[in-house]
Amino acid sequence: MVVECKAKKEVLCVKVEGRVDSETAPEFEKILNENFSGIKAVEFDMKKLEYISSAGLRVLLKVKHQTGDEGYVLIKNMNDMVKNVFELTGFSEMFIMK
């Protein structure tokens, strides 16, 4: 897993590569937490994300709660397999998806 974070004012832009599963999710969460100061919105670019498990989805849900009612979480550039996971779990209804 490779995660690249860049803050643009109150928006955290995150590129995720590889797999986010039970093995990598703790590190994914740690990286996001380290970059979350003053953030109101998060935009995930998942173009190179190959796989996400329930452990990864939990991290995304936590991020959504951290942004609160004032912010948002945008998820874009998912491949069909990752998009299918979001749709099957109902997560596609919880996030803005492009």
PDB file of N, CA and C in Angstrom:
ATOM      1  N   MET A   1       0.842  -1.175   0.000  1.00  0.00           N
ATOM      2  CA  MET A   1       0.000   0.000   0.000  1.00  0.00           C
ATOM      3  C   MET A   1       0.886   1.237   0.000  1.00  0.00           C
ATOM      4  N   VAL A   2       0.515   2.193  -0.830  1.00  0.00           N
ATOM      5  CA  VAL A   2       1.185   3.490  -0.873  1.00  0.00           C
ATOM      6  C   VAL A   2       0.109   4.556  -0.710  1.00  0.00           C
ATOM      7  N   VAL A   3       0.335   5.501   0.204  1.00  0.00           N
ATOM      8  CA  VAL A   3      -0.616   6.574   0.448  1.00  0.00           C
ATOM      9  C   VAL A   3       0.120   7.902   0.341  1.00  0.00           C
ATOM     10  N   GLU A   4      -0.423   8.804  -0.470  1.00  0.00           N
ATOM     11  CA  GLU A   4       0.146  10.138  -0.629  1.00  0.00           C
ATOM     12  C   GLU A   4      -0.907  11.156  -0.218  1.00  0.00           C
ATOM     13  N   CYS A   5      -0.562  12.018   0.738  1.00  0.00           N
ATOM     14  CA  CYS A   5      -1.500  13.024   1.241  1.00  0.00           C
ATOM     15  C   CYS A   5      -0.972  14.423   0.961  1.00  0.00           C
ATOM     16  N   LYS A   6      -1.881  15.290   0.501  1.00  0.00           N
ATOM     17  CA  LYS A   6      -1.559  16.702   0.309  1.00  0.00           C
ATOM     18  C   LYS A   6      -2.742  17.518   0.803  1.00  0.00           C
ATOM     19  N   ALA A   7      -2.456  18.445   1.707  1.00  0.00           N
ATOM     20  CA  ALA A   7      -3.512  19.315   2.224  1.00  0.00           C
ATOM     21  C   ALA A   7      -3.574  20.587   1.388  1.00  0.00           C
ATOM     22  N   LYS A   8      -4.786  20.943   0.980  1.00  0.00           N
ATOM     23  CA  LYS A   8      -5.043  22.199   0.271  1.00  0.00           C
ATOM     24  C   LYS A   8      -6.071  22.951   1.092  1.00  0.00           C
ATOM     25  N   LYS A   9      -5.596  23.864   1.902  1.00  0.00           N
ATOM     26  CA  LYS A   9      -6.426  24.589   2.870  1.00  0.00           C
ATOM     27  C   LYS A   9      -7.097  23.582   3.796  1.00  0.00           C
ATOM     28  N   GLU A  10      -8.409  23.448   3.746  1.00  0.00           N
ATOM     29  CA  GLU A  10      -9.116  22.543   4.654  1.00  0.00           C
ATOM     30  C   GLU A  10      -9.491  21.228   3.995  1.00  0.00           C
ATOM     31  N   VAL A  11      -8.917  20.957   2.808  1.00  0.00           N
ATOM     32  CA  VAL A  11      -9.219  19.725   2.071  1.00  0.00           C
ATOM     33  C   VAL A  11      -7.957  18.863   2.015  1.00  0.00           C
ATOM     34  N   LEU A  12      -8.101  17.618   2.428  1.00  0.00           N
ATOM     35  CA  LEU A  12      -6.996  16.662   2.350  1.00  0.00           C
ATOM     36  C   LEU A  12      -7.203  15.795   1.108  1.00  0.00           C
ATOM     37  N   CYS A  13      -6.243  15.843   0.186  1.00  0.00           N
ATOM     38  CA  CYS A  13      -6.284  15.029  -1.031  1.00  0.00           C
ATOM     39  C   CYS A  13      -5.408  13.803  -0.801  1.00  0.00           C
ATOM     40  N   VAL A  14      -5.987  12.625  -0.979  1.00  0.00           N
ATOM     41  CA  VAL A  14      -5.306  11.380  -0.660  1.00  0.00           C
ATOM     42  C   VAL A  14      -5.308  10.455  -1.878  1.00  0.00           C
ATOM     43  N   LYS A  15      -4.121  10.035  -2.309  1.00  0.00           N
ATOM     44  CA  LYS A  15      -3.998   9.024  -3.354  1.00  0.00           C
ATOM     45  C   LYS A  15      -3.635   7.710  -2.674  1.00  0.00           C
ATOM     46  N   VAL A  16      -4.368   6.660  -3.025  1.00  0.00           N
ATOM     47  CA  VAL A  16      -4.152   5.352  -2.405  1.00  0.00           C
ATOM     48  C   VAL A  16      -3.823   4.340  -3.498  1.00  0.00           C
ATOM     49  N   GLU A  17      -2.750   3.575  -3.295  1.00  0.00           N
ATOM     50  CA  GLU A  17      -2.346   2.535  -4.244  1.00  0.00           C
ATOM     51  C   GLU A  17      -2.252   1.193  -3.531  1.00  0.00           C
ATOM     52  N   GLY A  18      -2.495   0.127  -4.268  1.00  0.00           N
ATOM     53  CA  GLY A  18      -2.321  -1.221  -3.731  1.00  0.00           C
ATOM     54  C   GLY A  18      -3.564  -1.759  -3.071  1.00  0.00           C
ATOM     55  N   ARG A  19      -3.379  -2.311  -1.873  1.00  0.00           N
ATOM     56  CA  ARG A  19      -4.470  -2.953  -1.145  1.00  0.00           C
ATOM     57  C   ARG A  19      -4.642  -2.311   0.226  1.00  0.00           C
ATOM     58  N   VAL A  20      -5.900  -2.091   0.604  1.00  0.00           N
ATOM     59  CA  VAL A  20      -6.203  -1.667   1.968  1.00  0.00           C
ATOM     60  C   VAL A  20      -7.036  -2.791   2.568  1.00  0.00           C
ATOM     61  N   ASP A  21      -6.378  -3.571   3.414  1.00  0.00           N
ATOM     62  CA  ASP A  21      -7.014  -4.745   4.013  1.00  0.00           C
ATOM     63  C   ASP A  21      -6.676  -4.788   5.496  1.00  0.00           C
ATOM     64  N   SER A  22      -6.961  -5.898   6.141  1.00  0.00           N
ATOM     65  CA  SER A  22      -6.736  -5.984   7.594  1.00  0.00           C
ATOM     66  C   SER A  22      -5.263  -5.797   7.961  1.00  0.00           C
ATOM     67  N   GLU A  23      -4.374  -6.108   7.048  1.00  0.00           N
ATOM     68  CA  GLU A  23      -2.939  -5.945   7.317  1.00  0.00           C
ATOM     69  C   GLU A  23      -2.492  -4.484   7.163  1.00  0.00           C
ATOM     70  N   THR A  24      -3.020  -3.778   6.182  1.00  0.00           N
ATOM     71  CA  THR A  24      -2.563  -2.414   5.891  1.00  0.00           C
ATOM     72  C   THR A  24      -3.470  -1.317   6.456  1.00  0.00           C
ATOM     73  N   ALA A  25      -4.688  -1.639   6.846  1.00  0.00           N
ATOM     74  CA  ALA A  25      -5.635  -0.634   7.337  1.00  0.00           C
ATOM     75  C   ALA A  25      -5.120   0.158   8.544  1.00  0.00           C
ATOM     76  N   PRO A  26      -4.444  -0.469   9.522  1.00  0.00           N
ATOM     77  CA  PRO A  26      -3.927   0.328  10.649  1.00  0.00           C
ATOM     78  C   PRO A  26      -2.935   1.407  10.201  1.00  0.00           C
ATOM     79  N   GLU A  27      -2.079   1.083   9.266  1.00  0.00           N
ATOM     80  CA  GLU A  27      -1.122   2.065   8.749  1.00  0.00           C
ATOM     81  C   GLU A  27      -1.851   3.150   7.955  1.00  0.00           C
ATOM     82  N   PHE A  28      -2.853   2.756   7.169  1.00  0.00           N
ATOM     83  CA  PHE A  28      -3.676   3.700   6.415  1.00  0.00           C
ATOM     84  C   PHE A  28      -4.327   4.699   7.371  1.00  0.00           C
ATOM     85  N   GLU A  29      -4.916   4.200   8.439  1.00  0.00           N
ATOM     86  CA  GLU A  29      -5.556   5.053   9.438  1.00  0.00           C
ATOM     87  C   GLU A  29      -4.548   5.990  10.098  1.00  0.00           C
ATOM     88  N   LYS A  30      -3.383   5.466  10.423  1.00  0.00           N
ATOM     89  CA  LYS A  30      -2.337   6.269  11.063  1.00  0.00           C
ATOM     90  C   LYS A  30      -1.904   7.415  10.155  1.00  0.00           C
ATOM     91  N   ILE A  31      -1.681   7.140   8.874  1.00  0.00           N
ATOM     92  CA  ILE A  31      -1.275   8.171   7.917  1.00  0.00           C
ATOM     93  C   ILE A  31      -2.345   9.246   7.810  1.00  0.00           C
ATOM     94  N   LEU A  32      -3.599   8.842   7.719  1.00  0.00           N
ATOM     95  CA  LEU A  32      -4.687   9.818   7.628  1.00  0.00           C
ATOM     96  C   LEU A  32      -4.766  10.678   8.884  1.00  0.00           C
ATOM     97  N   ASN A  33      -4.656  10.061  10.046  1.00  0.00           N
ATOM     98  CA  ASN A  33      -4.712  10.808  11.301  1.00  0.00           C
ATOM     99  C   ASN A  33      -3.583  11.824  11.413  1.00  0.00           C
ATOM    100  N   GLU A  34      -2.401  11.455  10.940  1.00  0.00           N
ATOM    101  CA  GLU A  34      -1.240  12.352  10.992  1.00  0.00           C
ATOM    102  C   GLU A  34      -1.434  13.581  10.109  1.00  0.00           C
ATOM    103  N   ASN A  35      -2.296  13.489   9.120  1.00  0.00           N
ATOM    104  CA  ASN A  35      -2.503  14.575   8.166  1.00  0.00           C
ATOM    105  C   ASN A  35      -3.849  15.271   8.331  1.00  0.00           C
ATOM    106  N   PHE A  36      -4.580  15.001   9.414  1.00  0.00           N
ATOM    107  CA  PHE A  36      -5.958  15.458   9.541  1.00  0.00           C
ATOM    108  C   PHE A  36      -6.134  16.799  10.245  1.00  0.00           C
ATOM    109  N   SER A  37      -5.125  17.380  10.732  1.00  0.00           N
ATOM    110  CA  SER A  37      -5.251  18.623  11.493  1.00  0.00           C
ATOM    111  C   SER A  37      -5.835  19.755  10.634  1.00  0.00           C
ATOM    112  N   GLY A  38      -6.935  20.341  11.083  1.00  0.00           N
ATOM    113  CA  GLY A  38      -7.566  21.454  10.386  1.00  0.00           C
ATOM    114  C   GLY A  38      -8.332  21.075   9.130  1.00  0.00           C
ATOM    115  N   ILE A  39      -8.573  19.796   8.936  1.00  0.00           N
ATOM    116  CA  ILE A  39      -9.220  19.294   7.717  1.00  0.00           C
ATOM    117  C   ILE A  39     -10.735  19.225   7.910  1.00  0.00           C
ATOM    118  N   LYS A  40     -11.478  19.696   6.895  1.00  0.00           N
ATOM    119  CA  LYS A  40     -12.940  19.614   6.925  1.00  0.00           C
ATOM    120  C   LYS A  40     -13.480  18.695   5.851  1.00  0.00           C
ATOM    121  N   ALA A  41     -12.633  18.378   4.848  1.00  0.00           N
ATOM    122  CA  ALA A  41     -13.073  17.516   3.749  1.00  0.00           C
ATOM    123  C   ALA A  41     -11.902  16.655   3.288  1.00  0.00           C
ATOM    124  N   VAL A  42     -12.238  15.472   2.770  1.00  0.00           N
ATOM    125  CA  VAL A  42     -11.207  14.556   2.270  1.00  0.00           C
ATOM    126  C   VAL A  42     -11.623  14.079   0.892  1.00  0.00           C
ATOM    127  N   GLU A  43     -10.666  14.110  -0.037  1.00  0.00           N
ATOM    128  CA  GLU A  43     -10.896  13.615  -1.388  1.00  0.00           C
ATOM    129  C   GLU A  43      -9.921  12.472  -1.651  1.00  0.00           C
ATOM    130  N   PHE A  44     -10.473  11.280  -1.848  1.00  0.00           N
ATOM    131  CA  PHE A  44      -9.663  10.088  -2.101  1.00  0.00           C
ATOM    132  C   PHE A  44      -9.604   9.809  -3.596  1.00  0.00           C
ATOM    133  N   ASP A  45      -8.408   9.679  -4.129  1.00  0.00           N
ATOM    134  CA  ASP A  45      -8.214   9.231  -5.507  1.00  0.00           C
ATOM    135  C   ASP A  45      -7.812   7.761  -5.422  1.00  0.00           C
ATOM    136  N   MET A  46      -8.708   6.880  -5.872  1.00  0.00           N
ATOM    137  CA  MET A  46      -8.481   5.445  -5.752  1.00  0.00           C
ATOM    138  C   MET A  46      -8.185   4.785  -7.101  1.00  0.00           C
ATOM    139  N   LYS A  47      -7.634   5.561  -8.014  1.00  0.00           N
ATOM    140  CA  LYS A  47      -7.332   5.047  -9.355  1.00  0.00           C
ATOM    141  C   LYS A  47      -6.438   3.809  -9.309  1.00  0.00           C
ATOM    142  N   LYS A  48      -5.472   3.789  -8.384  1.00  0.00           N
ATOM    143  CA  LYS A  48      -4.521   2.677  -8.309  1.00  0.00           C
ATOM    144  C   LYS A  48      -4.788   1.746  -7.131  1.00  0.00           C
ATOM    145  N   LEU A  49      -5.976   1.883  -6.518  1.00  0.00           N
ATOM    146  CA  LEU A  49      -6.350   0.968  -5.436  1.00  0.00           C
ATOM    147  C   LEU A  49      -6.861  -0.330  -6.048  1.00  0.00           C
ATOM    148  N   GLU A  50      -6.234  -1.429  -5.697  1.00  0.00           N
ATOM    149  CA  GLU A  50      -6.594  -2.732  -6.258  1.00  0.00           C
ATOM    150  C   GLU A  50      -7.700  -3.424  -5.478  1.00  0.00           C
ATOM    151  N   TYR A  51      -7.727  -3.186  -4.162  1.00  0.00           N
ATOM    152  CA  TYR A  51      -8.635  -3.940  -3.296  1.00  0.00           C
ATOM    153  C   TYR A  51      -8.852  -3.178  -2.004  1.00  0.00           C
ATOM    154  N   ILE A  52     -10.079  -3.245  -1.467  1.00  0.00           N
ATOM    155  CA  ILE A  52     -10.362  -2.705  -0.135  1.00  0.00           C
ATOM    156  C   ILE A  52     -11.247  -3.700   0.606  1.00  0.00           C
ATOM    157  N   SER A  53     -10.879  -3.985   1.845  1.00  0.00           N
ATOM    158  CA  SER A  53     -11.646  -4.932   2.669  1.00  0.00           C
ATOM    159  C   SER A  53     -12.508  -4.153   3.655  1.00  0.00           C
ATOM    160  N   SER A  54     -13.225  -4.886   4.482  1.00  0.00           N
ATOM    161  CA  SER A  54     -14.059  -4.243   5.510  1.00  0.00           C
ATOM    162  C   SER A  54     -13.210  -3.416   6.467  1.00  0.00           C
ATOM    163  N   ALA A  55     -11.967  -3.823   6.694  1.00  0.00           N
ATOM    164  CA  ALA A  55     -11.075  -3.046   7.569  1.00  0.00           C
ATOM    165  C   ALA A  55     -10.783  -1.683   6.948  1.00  0.00           C
ATOM    166  N   GLY A  56     -10.592  -1.642   5.656  1.00  0.00           N
ATOM    167  CA  GLY A  56     -10.380  -0.378   4.956  1.00  0.00           C
ATOM    168  C   GLY A  56     -11.628   0.475   4.946  1.00  0.00           C
ATOM    169  N   LEU A  57     -12.773  -0.153   4.771  1.00  0.00           N
ATOM    170  CA  LEU A  57     -14.042   0.574   4.794  1.00  0.00           C
ATOM    171  C   LEU A  57     -14.283   1.215   6.157  1.00  0.00           C
ATOM    172  N   ARG A  58     -13.890   0.519   7.217  1.00  0.00           N
ATOM    173  CA  ARG A  58     -14.031   1.081   8.576  1.00  0.00           C
ATOM    174  C   ARG A  58     -13.216   2.362   8.721  1.00  0.00           C
ATOM    175  N   VAL A  59     -12.019   2.372   8.148  1.00  0.00           N
ATOM    176  CA  VAL A  59     -11.180   3.572   8.201  1.00  0.00           C
ATOM    177  C   VAL A  59     -11.875   4.725   7.476  1.00  0.00           C
ATOM    178  N   LEU A  60     -12.446   4.442   6.305  1.00  0.00           N
ATOM    179  CA  LEU A  60     -13.152   5.481   5.555  1.00  0.00           C
ATOM    180  C   LEU A  60     -14.366   6.002   6.331  1.00  0.00           C
ATOM    181  N   LEU A  61     -15.070   5.112   7.002  1.00  0.00           N
ATOM    182  CA  LEU A  61     -16.218   5.518   7.802  1.00  0.00           C
ATOM    183  C   LEU A  61     -15.779   6.432   8.945  1.00  0.00           C
ATOM    184  N   LYS A  62     -14.660   6.116   9.549  1.00  0.00           N
ATOM    185  CA  LYS A  62     -14.122   6.947  10.621  1.00  0.00           C
ATOM    186  C   LYS A  62     -13.765   8.340  10.098  1.00  0.00           C
ATOM    187  N   VAL A  63     -13.188   8.393   8.902  1.00  0.00           N
ATOM    188  CA  VAL A  63     -12.859   9.678   8.274  1.00  0.00           C
ATOM    189  C   VAL A  63     -14.130  10.485   8.043  1.00  0.00           C
ATOM    190  N   LYS A  64     -15.174   9.809   7.578  1.00  0.00           N
ATOM    191  CA  LYS A  64     -16.453  10.492   7.338  1.00  0.00           C
ATOM    192  C   LYS A  64     -16.977  11.112   8.625  1.00  0.00           C
ATOM    193  N   HIS A  65     -16.883  10.399   9.726  1.00  0.00           N
ATOM    194  CA  HIS A  65     -17.336  10.927  11.012  1.00  0.00           C
ATOM    195  C   HIS A  65     -16.466  12.106  11.461  1.00  0.00           C
ATOM    196  N   GLN A  66     -15.173  12.044  11.164  1.00  0.00           N
ATOM    197  CA  GLN A  66     -14.265  13.125  11.548  1.00  0.00           C
ATOM    198  C   GLN A  66     -14.550  14.416  10.782  1.00  0.00           C
ATOM    199  N   THR A  67     -15.023  14.312   9.548  1.00  0.00           N
ATOM    200  CA  THR A  67     -15.319  15.521   8.773  1.00  0.00           C
ATOM    201  C   THR A  67     -16.595  16.184   9.264  1.00  0.00           C
ATOM    202  N   GLY A  68     -17.459  15.437   9.904  1.00  0.00           N
ATOM    203  CA  GLY A  68     -18.675  15.993  10.490  1.00  0.00           C
ATOM    204  C   GLY A  68     -19.685  16.470   9.459  1.00  0.00           C
ATOM    205  N   ASP A  69     -20.703  17.158   9.938  1.00  0.00           N
ATOM    206  CA  ASP A  69     -21.784  17.639   9.082  1.00  0.00           C
ATOM    207  C   ASP A  69     -21.336  18.770   8.158  1.00  0.00           C
ATOM    208  N   GLU A  70     -20.308  19.480   8.544  1.00  0.00           N
ATOM    209  CA  GLU A  70     -19.827  20.623   7.770  1.00  0.00           C
ATOM    210  C   GLU A  70     -18.972  20.193   6.573  1.00  0.00           C
ATOM    211  N   GLY A  71     -18.378  19.020   6.644  1.00  0.00           N
ATOM    212  CA  GLY A  71     -17.443  18.587   5.614  1.00  0.00           C
ATOM    213  C   GLY A  71     -18.014  17.533   4.687  1.00  0.00           C
ATOM    214  N   TYR A  72     -17.125  16.920   3.927  1.00  0.00           N
ATOM    215  CA  TYR A  72     -17.537  15.861   3.005  1.00  0.00           C
ATOM    216  C   TYR A  72     -16.364  14.915   2.749  1.00  0.00           C
ATOM    217  N   VAL A  73     -16.688  13.749   2.213  1.00  0.00           N
ATOM    218  CA  VAL A  73     -15.692  12.790   1.756  1.00  0.00           C
ATOM    219  C   VAL A  73     -16.054  12.438   0.318  1.00  0.00           C
ATOM    220  N   LEU A  74     -15.124  12.670  -0.586  1.00  0.00           N
ATOM    221  CA  LEU A  74     -15.288  12.369  -2.005  1.00  0.00           C
ATOM    222  C   LEU A  74     -14.377  11.206  -2.362  1.00  0.00           C
ATOM    223  N   ILE A  75     -14.927  10.232  -3.071  1.00  0.00           N
ATOM    224  CA  ILE A  75     -14.136   9.089  -3.522  1.00  0.00           C
ATOM    225  C   ILE A  75     -14.255   9.037  -5.037  1.00  0.00           C
ATOM    226  N   LYS A  76     -13.101   9.057  -5.717  1.00  0.00           N
ATOM    227  CA  LYS A  76     -13.130   9.101  -7.181  1.00  0.00           C
ATOM    228  C   LYS A  76     -12.154   8.107  -7.793  1.00  0.00           C
ATOM    229  N   ASN A  77     -12.383   7.828  -9.054  1.00  0.00           N
ATOM    230  CA  ASN A  77     -11.503   6.994  -9.890  1.00  0.00           C
ATOM    231  C   ASN A  77     -11.387   5.546  -9.404  1.00  0.00           C
ATOM    232  N   MET A  78     -12.468   4.966  -8.917  1.00  0.00           N
ATOM    233  CA  MET A  78     -12.428   3.569  -8.469  1.00  0.00           C
ATOM    234  C   MET A  78     -12.491   2.625  -9.656  1.00  0.00           C
ATOM    235  N   ASN A  79     -11.789   1.504  -9.543  1.00  0.00           N
ATOM    236  CA  ASN A  79     -11.953   0.464 -10.562  1.00  0.00           C
ATOM    237  C   ASN A  79     -13.255  -0.282 -10.278  1.00  0.00           C
ATOM    238  N   ASP A  80     -13.667  -1.127 -11.192  1.00  0.00           N
ATOM    239  CA  ASP A  80     -14.961  -1.811 -11.062  1.00  0.00           C
ATOM    240  C   ASP A  80     -15.046  -2.695  -9.822  1.00  0.00           C
ATOM    241  N   MET A  81     -13.941  -3.360  -9.459  1.00  0.00           N
ATOM    242  CA  MET A  81     -13.971  -4.252  -8.297  1.00  0.00           C
ATOM    243  C   MET A  81     -14.168  -3.455  -7.004  1.00  0.00           C
ATOM    244  N   VAL A  82     -13.447  -2.369  -6.851  1.00  0.00           N
ATOM    245  CA  VAL A  82     -13.578  -1.540  -5.651  1.00  0.00           C
ATOM    246  C   VAL A  82     -14.965  -0.896  -5.613  1.00  0.00           C
ATOM    247  N   LYS A  83     -15.430  -0.417  -6.751  1.00  0.00           N
ATOM    248  CA  LYS A  83     -16.763   0.182  -6.828  1.00  0.00           C
ATOM    249  C   LYS A  83     -17.828  -0.835  -6.435  1.00  0.00           C
ATOM    250  N   ASN A  84     -17.659  -2.075  -6.841  1.00  0.00           N
ATOM    251  CA  ASN A  84     -18.595  -3.145  -6.503  1.00  0.00           C
ATOM    252  C   ASN A  84     -18.647  -3.366  -4.989  1.00  0.00           C
ATOM    253  N   VAL A  85     -17.492  -3.314  -4.326  1.00  0.00           N
ATOM    254  CA  VAL A  85     -17.445  -3.463  -2.868  1.00  0.00           C
ATOM    255  C   VAL A  85     -18.263  -2.351  -2.212  1.00  0.00           C
ATOM    256  N   PHE A  86     -18.103  -1.117  -2.689  1.00  0.00           N
ATOM    257  CA  PHE A  86     -18.861   0.008  -2.142  1.00  0.00           C
ATOM    258  C   PHE A  86     -20.357  -0.182  -2.358  1.00  0.00           C
ATOM    259  N   GLU A  87     -20.741  -0.642  -3.532  1.00  0.00           N
ATOM    260  CA  GLU A  87     -22.158  -0.829  -3.824  1.00  0.00           C
ATOM    261  C   GLU A  87     -22.772  -1.970  -3.024  1.00  0.00           C
ATOM    262  N   LEU A  88     -22.063  -3.084  -2.904  1.00  0.00           N
ATOM    263  CA  LEU A  88     -22.582  -4.239  -2.164  1.00  0.00           C
ATOM    264  C   LEU A  88     -22.726  -3.972  -0.667  1.00  0.00           C
ATOM    265  N   THR A  89     -21.852  -3.130  -0.130  1.00  0.00           N
ATOM    266  CA  THR A  89     -21.886  -2.851   1.310  1.00  0.00           C
ATOM    267  C   THR A  89     -22.758  -1.653   1.671  1.00  0.00           C
ATOM    268  N   GLY A  90     -23.253  -0.945   0.665  1.00  0.00           N
ATOM    269  CA  GLY A  90     -24.056   0.249   0.923  1.00  0.00           C
ATOM    270  C   GLY A  90     -23.226   1.503   1.143  1.00  0.00           C
ATOM    271  N   PHE A  91     -21.916   1.387   1.065  1.00  0.00           N
ATOM    272  CA  PHE A  91     -21.041   2.542   1.275  1.00  0.00           C
ATOM    273  C   PHE A  91     -21.185   3.564   0.143  1.00  0.00           C
ATOM    274  N   SER A  92     -21.669   3.133  -0.999  1.00  0.00           N
ATOM    275  CA  SER A  92     -21.854   4.069  -2.120  1.00  0.00           C
ATOM    276  C   SER A  92     -22.925   5.117  -1.773  1.00  0.00           C
ATOM    277  N   GLU A  93     -23.784   4.813  -0.827  1.00  0.00           N
ATOM    278  CA  GLU A  93     -24.806   5.756  -0.379  1.00  0.00           C
ATOM    279  C   GLU A  93     -24.293   6.735   0.662  1.00  0.00           C
ATOM    280  N   MET A  94     -23.160   6.419   1.291  1.00  0.00           N
ATOM    281  CA  MET A  94     -22.630   7.245   2.370  1.00  0.00           C
ATOM    282  C   MET A  94     -21.617   8.280   1.914  1.00  0.00           C
ATOM    283  N   PHE A  95     -21.051   8.082   0.737  1.00  0.00           N
ATOM    284  CA  PHE A  95     -19.983   8.944   0.254  1.00  0.00           C
ATOM    285  C   PHE A  95     -20.353   9.564  -1.089  1.00  0.00           C
ATOM    286  N   ILE A  96     -19.725  10.681  -1.397  1.00  0.00           N
ATOM    287  CA  ILE A  96     -19.836  11.267  -2.726  1.00  0.00           C
ATOM    288  C   ILE A  96     -18.874  10.476  -3.604  1.00  0.00           C
ATOM    289  N   MET A  97     -19.387   9.927  -4.700  1.00  0.00           N
ATOM    290  CA  MET A  97     -18.553   9.098  -5.578  1.00  0.00           C
ATOM    291  C   MET A  97     -18.554   9.658  -6.991  1.00  0.00           C
ATOM    292  N   LYS A  98     -17.350   9.715  -7.582  1.00  0.00           N
ATOM    293  CA  LYS A  98     -17.212  10.161  -8.966  1.00  0.00           C
ATOM    294  C   LYS A  98     -16.477   9.105  -9.753  1.00  0.00           C
TER     295      LYS A  98
END
